[in-house]
Protein backbone atom coordinates (compact mmCIF):
# COMPACT_ATOMS: atom_id res chain seq x y z
CA MET A 1 25.64 -21.80 -36.03
CA ALA A 2 24.59 -20.54 -32.68
CA SER A 3 25.80 -17.04 -30.57
CA GLN A 4 25.49 -18.99 -27.86
CA ASP A 5 26.25 -23.18 -26.04
CA THR A 6 25.27 -22.11 -23.21
CA VAL A 7 21.93 -20.48 -21.97
CA CYS A 8 19.50 -20.35 -19.12
CA GLN A 9 16.03 -21.86 -19.69
CA GLY A 10 13.01 -19.41 -20.76
CA VAL A 11 16.11 -17.23 -22.16
CA PRO A 12 16.12 -16.91 -26.43
CA ILE A 13 18.59 -18.22 -28.00
CA ALA A 14 19.90 -16.59 -31.49
CA PHE A 15 20.91 -19.41 -34.13
CA THR A 16 22.91 -17.66 -36.82
CA ASN A 17 23.20 -19.62 -40.35
CA PRO A 18 25.60 -18.16 -42.47
CA SER A 19 25.13 -20.97 -44.88
CA PHE A 20 24.89 -20.69 -49.25
CA GLY A 21 23.23 -22.02 -51.96
CA LEU A 22 20.54 -23.43 -49.99
CA SER A 23 17.35 -23.96 -51.12
CA SER A 24 15.82 -25.30 -47.50
CA ASN A 25 16.94 -24.93 -44.01
CA THR A 26 15.74 -27.88 -41.56
CA TRP A 27 16.75 -27.59 -37.52
CA SER A 28 15.72 -29.57 -35.12
CA PHE A 29 16.41 -28.22 -31.27
CA GLY A 30 16.79 -31.59 -29.55
CA ASN A 31 13.47 -31.95 -27.40
CA GLY A 32 11.14 -32.45 -31.20
CA ASP A 33 10.55 -28.95 -31.96
CA SER A 34 12.00 -27.56 -35.12
CA SER A 35 12.09 -24.80 -37.44
CA ILE A 36 12.80 -24.24 -41.29
CA LEU A 37 13.79 -20.12 -40.77
CA THR A 38 16.99 -19.37 -41.35
CA ASN A 39 17.72 -17.49 -38.61
CA PRO A 40 15.41 -18.73 -36.13
CA VAL A 41 14.95 -17.79 -32.06
CA TYR A 42 14.33 -20.32 -29.77
CA ILE A 43 13.44 -21.10 -26.21
CA TYR A 44 13.99 -23.83 -24.12
CA PRO A 45 11.22 -24.54 -21.62
CA HIS A 46 13.74 -27.12 -19.76
CA ALA A 47 16.73 -27.55 -18.32
CA GLY A 48 19.00 -30.04 -19.67
CA ILE A 49 21.23 -30.75 -22.68
CA ASP A 50 20.20 -30.52 -26.31
CA THR A 51 21.65 -31.77 -29.74
CA VAL A 52 20.72 -29.24 -32.48
CA ILE A 53 20.72 -30.28 -36.10
CA LEU A 54 20.77 -28.30 -39.23
CA VAL A 55 20.38 -29.47 -42.30
CA GLY A 56 21.02 -27.84 -45.48
CA THR A 57 19.54 -28.56 -48.78
CA SER A 58 21.39 -27.60 -51.86
CA THR A 59 19.79 -25.60 -54.54
CA LEU A 60 22.08 -27.10 -57.34
CA ASN A 61 21.92 -30.61 -56.98
CA GLN A 62 19.99 -31.02 -53.69
CA CYS A 63 22.53 -32.84 -51.71
CA THR A 64 22.30 -32.11 -48.21
CA SER A 65 24.75 -31.16 -45.19
CA SER A 66 24.19 -30.90 -41.54
CA ASP A 67 25.96 -29.32 -38.90
CA THR A 68 25.41 -30.00 -35.00
CA LEU A 69 25.47 -27.97 -31.61
CA ILE A 70 25.25 -28.93 -28.21
CA VAL A 71 23.75 -26.59 -26.10
CA THR A 72 23.48 -26.78 -22.44
CA VAL A 73 20.10 -25.35 -20.88
CA LEU A 74 20.52 -24.17 -17.24
CA VAL A 75 17.96 -24.90 -14.61
CA LYS A 76 16.29 -21.07 -13.84
CA PRO A 77 14.89 -19.91 -10.65
CA VAL A 78 10.90 -20.77 -10.05
CA ILE A 79 9.60 -17.74 -8.65
CA SER A 80 6.47 -17.90 -6.30
CA PHE A 81 5.58 -15.53 -3.59
CA THR A 82 2.56 -14.01 -1.80
CA THR A 83 1.67 -10.76 -0.02
CA SER A 84 0.35 -9.91 3.37
CA ASP A 85 -2.72 -7.63 1.45
CA THR A 86 -2.83 -6.13 -1.30
CA ALA A 87 -4.47 -2.65 -0.60
CA GLY A 88 -4.93 -1.16 2.99
CA CYS A 89 -4.32 2.35 4.54
CA GLN A 90 -1.24 4.29 5.36
CA PRO A 91 1.06 3.49 6.68
CA LEU A 92 0.45 0.11 5.09
CA SER A 93 3.22 -2.76 6.13
CA ILE A 94 3.24 -5.43 3.43
CA LEU A 95 5.07 -8.99 4.04
CA PHE A 96 6.13 -10.69 0.87
CA ASN A 97 6.47 -13.88 1.53
CA ASP A 98 8.40 -15.94 -0.39
CA ASN A 99 8.31 -19.72 -1.93
CA THR A 100 11.15 -18.81 -4.60
CA THR A 101 12.83 -22.38 -5.36
CA ASN A 102 16.01 -22.70 -7.54
CA ALA A 103 17.65 -19.57 -6.54
CA ASN A 104 20.39 -18.43 -4.03
CA PHE A 105 20.06 -14.41 -4.08
CA TYR A 106 17.31 -11.93 -3.87
CA SER A 107 16.63 -8.65 -4.83
CA TRP A 108 13.51 -6.39 -4.11
CA THR A 109 12.86 -2.94 -5.16
CA PHE A 110 9.45 -2.29 -3.80
CA GLY A 111 8.43 0.84 -5.71
CA ASP A 112 8.41 3.50 -3.23
CA GLY A 113 12.40 3.79 -2.79
CA ASN A 114 12.87 1.08 -0.62
CA PHE A 115 14.55 -2.24 -1.59
CA SER A 116 15.80 -5.65 0.07
CA ASN A 117 17.74 -8.08 -0.20
CA ASN A 118 15.95 -10.93 2.33
CA TYR A 119 14.28 -14.11 1.54
CA SER A 120 11.14 -12.85 2.78
CA PRO A 121 11.06 -8.90 3.66
CA THR A 122 8.33 -6.65 5.00
CA ASN A 123 7.86 -2.93 3.55
CA ILE A 124 6.02 -0.13 5.18
CA PHE A 125 4.59 1.83 2.62
CA ASN A 126 4.33 5.41 4.47
CA GLN A 127 2.73 7.28 1.25
CA PRO A 128 -0.87 6.24 -0.63
CA GLY A 129 -0.66 5.26 -4.13
CA THR A 130 -0.36 2.56 -6.27
CA PHE A 131 2.89 0.79 -6.29
CA HIS A 132 4.14 -2.19 -8.24
CA PRO A 133 7.01 -4.40 -6.13
CA LYS A 134 9.70 -6.07 -8.24
CA PHE A 135 11.11 -9.72 -7.18
CA ILE A 136 14.09 -11.05 -8.70
CA ALA A 137 15.91 -14.26 -7.87
CA ILE A 138 19.19 -15.54 -9.42
CA ASN A 139 20.91 -18.50 -9.22
CA THR A 140 24.54 -19.53 -8.71
CA ASP A 141 24.80 -20.21 -12.58
CA GLY A 142 23.29 -16.55 -13.21
CA CYS A 143 20.19 -17.43 -14.18
CA MET A 144 16.88 -15.61 -12.93
CA ASP A 145 13.16 -15.05 -12.64
CA SER A 146 11.67 -11.97 -11.69
CA ALA A 147 7.90 -10.84 -10.90
CA PHE A 148 5.57 -7.69 -10.10
CA ALA A 149 2.95 -7.49 -7.46
CA THR A 150 0.34 -4.62 -7.15
CA ILE A 151 -0.13 -3.06 -3.84
CA THR A 152 -2.21 0.05 -3.18
CA VAL A 153 -2.25 2.71 -0.59
CA HIS A 154 -5.04 4.53 0.43
CA VAL A 155 -5.11 7.90 1.92
CA ASN A 156 -5.95 8.28 5.33
CA PRO A 157 -8.22 11.52 6.58
CA THR A 158 -6.34 14.29 8.08
CA ASN A 159 -8.80 15.46 11.33
CA SER A 160 -9.59 18.78 12.24
CA PHE A 161 -12.11 21.15 13.98
CA THR A 162 -13.19 24.29 15.59
CA MET A 163 -15.21 24.93 18.50
CA SER A 164 -17.20 28.27 18.97
CA ASP A 165 -15.75 27.99 22.66
CA THR A 166 -13.91 26.03 24.94
CA ALA A 167 -15.85 26.55 28.26
CA SER A 168 -19.29 28.49 29.67
CA CYS A 169 -20.75 30.09 32.54
CA GLY A 170 -23.34 27.89 33.57
CA PHE A 171 -26.26 26.02 31.16
CA PRO A 172 -27.52 25.34 28.89
CA ALA A 173 -24.57 26.04 26.63
CA LEU A 174 -24.84 25.62 22.83
CA VAL A 175 -21.56 24.85 21.20
CA ASN A 176 -20.99 24.94 17.58
CA PHE A 177 -18.27 23.03 15.67
CA THR A 178 -16.20 23.87 12.52
CA ASN A 179 -15.07 20.64 10.86
CA ASN A 180 -11.85 21.47 8.55
CA THR A 181 -11.03 17.41 8.18
CA VAL A 182 -9.60 16.76 4.40
CA ASN A 183 -9.52 13.33 2.88
CA SER A 184 -12.93 12.11 4.41
CA ASP A 185 -16.80 12.74 4.12
CA ASN A 186 -17.75 10.47 6.80
CA TYR A 187 -17.89 11.80 10.35
CA LEU A 188 -19.03 10.76 13.79
CA TRP A 189 -19.14 13.14 16.53
CA ASP A 190 -19.26 11.84 20.18
CA PHE A 191 -20.15 14.95 22.42
CA GLY A 192 -19.17 13.33 25.87
CA ASN A 193 -22.90 14.01 27.10
CA GLY A 194 -24.39 10.52 25.54
CA GLN A 195 -25.09 12.08 22.49
CA LEU A 196 -23.98 11.31 19.22
CA SER A 197 -23.91 13.19 15.62
CA ASN A 198 -22.87 12.16 11.74
CA ALA A 199 -23.18 15.84 10.65
CA THR A 200 -19.91 17.38 9.20
CA ASN A 201 -20.70 20.94 11.12
CA PRO A 202 -22.93 19.94 13.79
CA SER A 203 -23.98 21.80 16.93
CA VAL A 204 -24.74 20.42 20.65
CA THR A 205 -26.24 21.89 24.07
CA TYR A 206 -25.00 20.87 27.32
CA THR A 207 -27.26 20.86 29.84
CA SER A 208 -25.43 20.09 32.80
CA ALA A 209 -22.25 21.51 34.33
CA GLY A 210 -18.64 19.38 34.13
CA THR A 211 -16.23 18.53 31.84
CA PHE A 212 -17.14 16.93 28.54
CA ASN A 213 -14.34 15.29 26.43
CA ILE A 214 -15.67 15.62 22.65
CA ALA A 215 -14.24 12.84 20.07
CA LEU A 216 -14.30 13.17 15.73
CA VAL A 217 -13.90 10.00 14.04
CA SER A 218 -13.66 10.25 10.57
CA THR A 219 -13.74 8.03 8.07
CA THR A 220 -13.28 7.16 4.32
CA THR A 221 -14.70 5.14 1.62
CA PHE A 222 -11.87 2.79 1.78
CA GLY A 223 -11.93 2.54 5.67
CA CYS A 224 -9.38 4.84 6.52
CA THR A 225 -10.01 6.43 9.93
CA ASP A 226 -8.31 9.24 12.09
CA ILE A 227 -9.44 10.52 15.68
CA SER A 228 -9.09 14.03 17.23
CA TYR A 229 -10.11 14.86 20.83
CA GLU A 230 -11.22 18.40 22.61
CA SER A 231 -12.63 19.08 25.49
CA PHE A 232 -15.55 21.26 27.05
CA THR A 233 -16.19 22.64 30.39
CA VAL A 234 -19.42 23.74 31.82
CA HIS A 235 -18.70 26.01 35.27
CA PRO A 236 -21.50 25.72 37.61
CA ILE A 237 -22.88 29.10 38.61
CA PRO A 238 -21.78 29.91 42.07
CA GLY A 239 -25.18 31.16 44.53
CA ALA A 240 -25.09 34.56 45.09
CA GLY A 241 -27.22 35.98 47.99
CA PHE A 242 -26.90 38.54 51.19
CA THR A 243 -28.28 39.26 54.56
CA TYR A 244 -29.14 42.36 56.06
CA ARG A 245 -30.68 44.35 59.58
CA SER A 246 -32.34 47.56 59.99
CA GLU A 247 -31.49 49.86 62.33
CA GLU A 248 -33.56 52.29 64.57
CA ARG A 249 -33.41 55.02 66.67
CA ARG A 250 -34.58 54.60 69.92
CA VAL A 251 -36.15 57.22 72.40
CA GLY A 252 -37.04 56.27 75.50
CA LYS A 253 -39.12 53.05 74.84
CA GLU A 254 -40.94 54.85 71.44
CA CYS A 255 -39.50 54.39 68.09
CA ARG A 256 -38.99 57.44 66.32
CA SER A 257 -38.47 58.04 62.83
CA ARG A 258 -36.77 61.10 61.55
CA TRP A 259 -38.31 64.02 59.25
């Protein structure tokens, strides 16, 4: 008859019919479902105790014979969980909020090499990519259920820029910027003097003395950002000057020049 007499809800159970000399087989699975296959495979959708009956009809005389098996279907966990987000910028912290019922043990594999046995764990995805965390819930009868999620982690830009100089004596002072940022094509420059720019490689002219803090904010199409800073100093030019006095030779009350 059957290869199992106890099965977890939702797990296929294979029935083997070694009967011979039959013209037909009729299986009744005890819950209203039936089959005329010789060796059917059936999944019990609900937990409980079901009486399986096989009725075989003889080829020779149409006589019937039956066999019975009691199948105990054990309740399985019912997985339910949500994630705090499905996509974001690296590093991305995700809370897996578990609402599973009929479970006692939990196993999470997040797809990035991390795992957890906590009920509602948090995982930080440090690398960009698409991950498929798997959750397995198990009860004390050994019955289990599993489910997947999809988490997409977007790459951050990496800021880098150089300046044609870091200081000048006097003004106006022209500064050229070379942008070496990767993974971004949207930029916002703040030159620290009230001027802004969205250019990739901008220039700015400083028209007063002082130290100016320069910020570059790079943004991806997914809203991931990086920011970096430099400074430029315009030194005031000192005021140089001198005085002089002319000395003359006097003879008596006359001034005479030397020839």
